[in-house]
Amino acid sequence: MEPRTAPASRRRPPVAAWLPLAALLLVFLLGLLFYGESRYRSCIARAEAEFPAVPVSSFNQRATGPLKVSFVEERARALDACGRF
């Protein structure tokens, strides 16, 4: 008695046939993650440049003034607007 084989339409392709597709999918996903992280980092850098963290001391009354304004709320809003996705 001979062993039964599956019909040609039901045979699975070898692993080597799926390897290029898996590699392309992996490269695409890694590129997507890299793009998202790059976009997030540039948004953070833009927010930090627009609203710098300036230390304001409550002990030194003469050093505070129009040049020593801390942009706490504006900075927080700008940083919250930066989303990973």
Protein backbone atom coordinates (compact mmCIF):
# COMPACT_ATOMS: atom_id res chain seq x y z
CA MET A 1 0.00 0.00 0.00
CA GLU A 2 1.40 3.39 -0.98
CA PRO A 3 1.29 6.38 1.39
CA ARG A 4 -1.37 8.90 0.59
CA THR A 5 -0.26 12.35 -0.46
CA ALA A 6 -2.30 15.51 -0.38
CA PRO A 7 -3.56 16.92 -3.65
CA ALA A 8 -1.38 19.57 -5.26
CA SER A 9 -3.78 22.35 -4.31
CA ARG A 10 -3.57 21.50 -0.60
CA ARG A 11 0.20 21.24 -0.28
CA ARG A 12 1.91 23.90 1.77
CA PRO A 13 4.62 25.95 0.10
CA PRO A 14 8.09 25.59 1.54
CA VAL A 15 9.26 28.01 4.21
CA ALA A 16 11.66 29.62 1.75
CA ALA A 17 8.66 30.93 -0.21
CA TRP A 18 7.32 32.80 2.85
CA LEU A 19 10.68 34.19 3.96
CA PRO A 20 10.84 37.22 1.56
CA LEU A 21 7.28 38.19 2.46
CA ALA A 22 8.04 37.99 6.18
CA ALA A 23 11.22 40.05 5.70
CA LEU A 24 9.31 42.75 3.78
CA LEU A 25 6.64 42.87 6.46
CA LEU A 26 9.27 43.19 9.17
CA VAL A 27 11.07 46.00 7.31
CA PHE A 28 7.75 47.81 6.81
CA LEU A 29 6.82 47.57 10.49
CA LEU A 30 10.26 48.71 11.64
CA GLY A 31 10.11 51.64 9.22
CA LEU A 32 6.70 52.60 10.58
CA LEU A 33 7.99 52.50 14.15
CA PHE A 34 11.06 54.54 13.20
CA TYR A 35 8.89 57.16 11.49
CA GLY A 36 6.58 57.42 14.50
CA GLU A 37 9.45 57.78 16.96
CA SER A 38 11.18 60.38 14.77
CA ARG A 39 7.97 62.40 14.47
CA TYR A 40 7.42 62.23 18.25
CA ARG A 41 10.99 63.34 19.04
CA SER A 42 10.79 66.28 16.63
CA CYS A 43 7.50 67.38 18.18
CA ILE A 44 9.07 67.27 21.66
CA ALA A 45 12.10 69.26 20.43
CA ARG A 46 9.83 71.86 18.81
CA ALA A 47 7.79 72.26 22.02
CA GLU A 48 10.95 72.60 24.12
CA ALA A 49 12.36 75.22 21.75
CA GLU A 50 9.15 77.24 21.71
CA PHE A 51 8.51 77.06 25.46
CA PRO A 52 11.86 76.64 27.22
CA ALA A 53 11.97 75.49 30.82
CA VAL A 54 13.16 78.60 32.65
CA PRO A 55 13.72 78.23 36.37
CA VAL A 56 11.85 80.87 38.33
CA SER A 57 12.93 81.34 41.91
CA SER A 58 10.49 82.67 44.49
CA PHE A 59 13.41 83.52 46.78
CA ASN A 60 15.07 85.95 44.38
CA GLN A 61 12.46 88.66 43.74
CA ARG A 62 14.74 90.91 41.67
CA ALA A 63 15.71 88.21 39.17
CA THR A 64 12.13 87.51 38.15
CA GLY A 65 10.48 89.69 35.59
CA PRO A 66 9.44 89.67 31.94
CA LEU A 67 12.60 87.81 30.89
CA LYS A 68 12.23 85.10 33.52
CA VAL A 69 8.73 83.88 32.71
CA SER A 70 8.17 80.17 33.04
CA PHE A 71 5.90 78.69 30.36
CA VAL A 72 4.60 75.84 32.48
CA GLU A 73 1.04 75.62 31.16
CA GLU A 74 1.89 76.35 27.53
CA ARG A 75 4.74 73.86 27.60
CA ALA A 76 2.54 71.18 29.17
CA ARG A 77 -0.13 71.68 26.49
CA ALA A 78 2.44 71.54 23.69
CA LEU A 79 3.98 68.36 25.10
CA ASP A 80 0.55 66.76 25.55
CA ALA A 81 -0.25 67.51 21.92
CA CYS A 82 2.70 65.33 20.89
CA GLY A 83 1.37 61.83 20.60
CA ARG A 84 3.22 58.70 19.64
CA PHE A 85 0.52 57.66 17.15
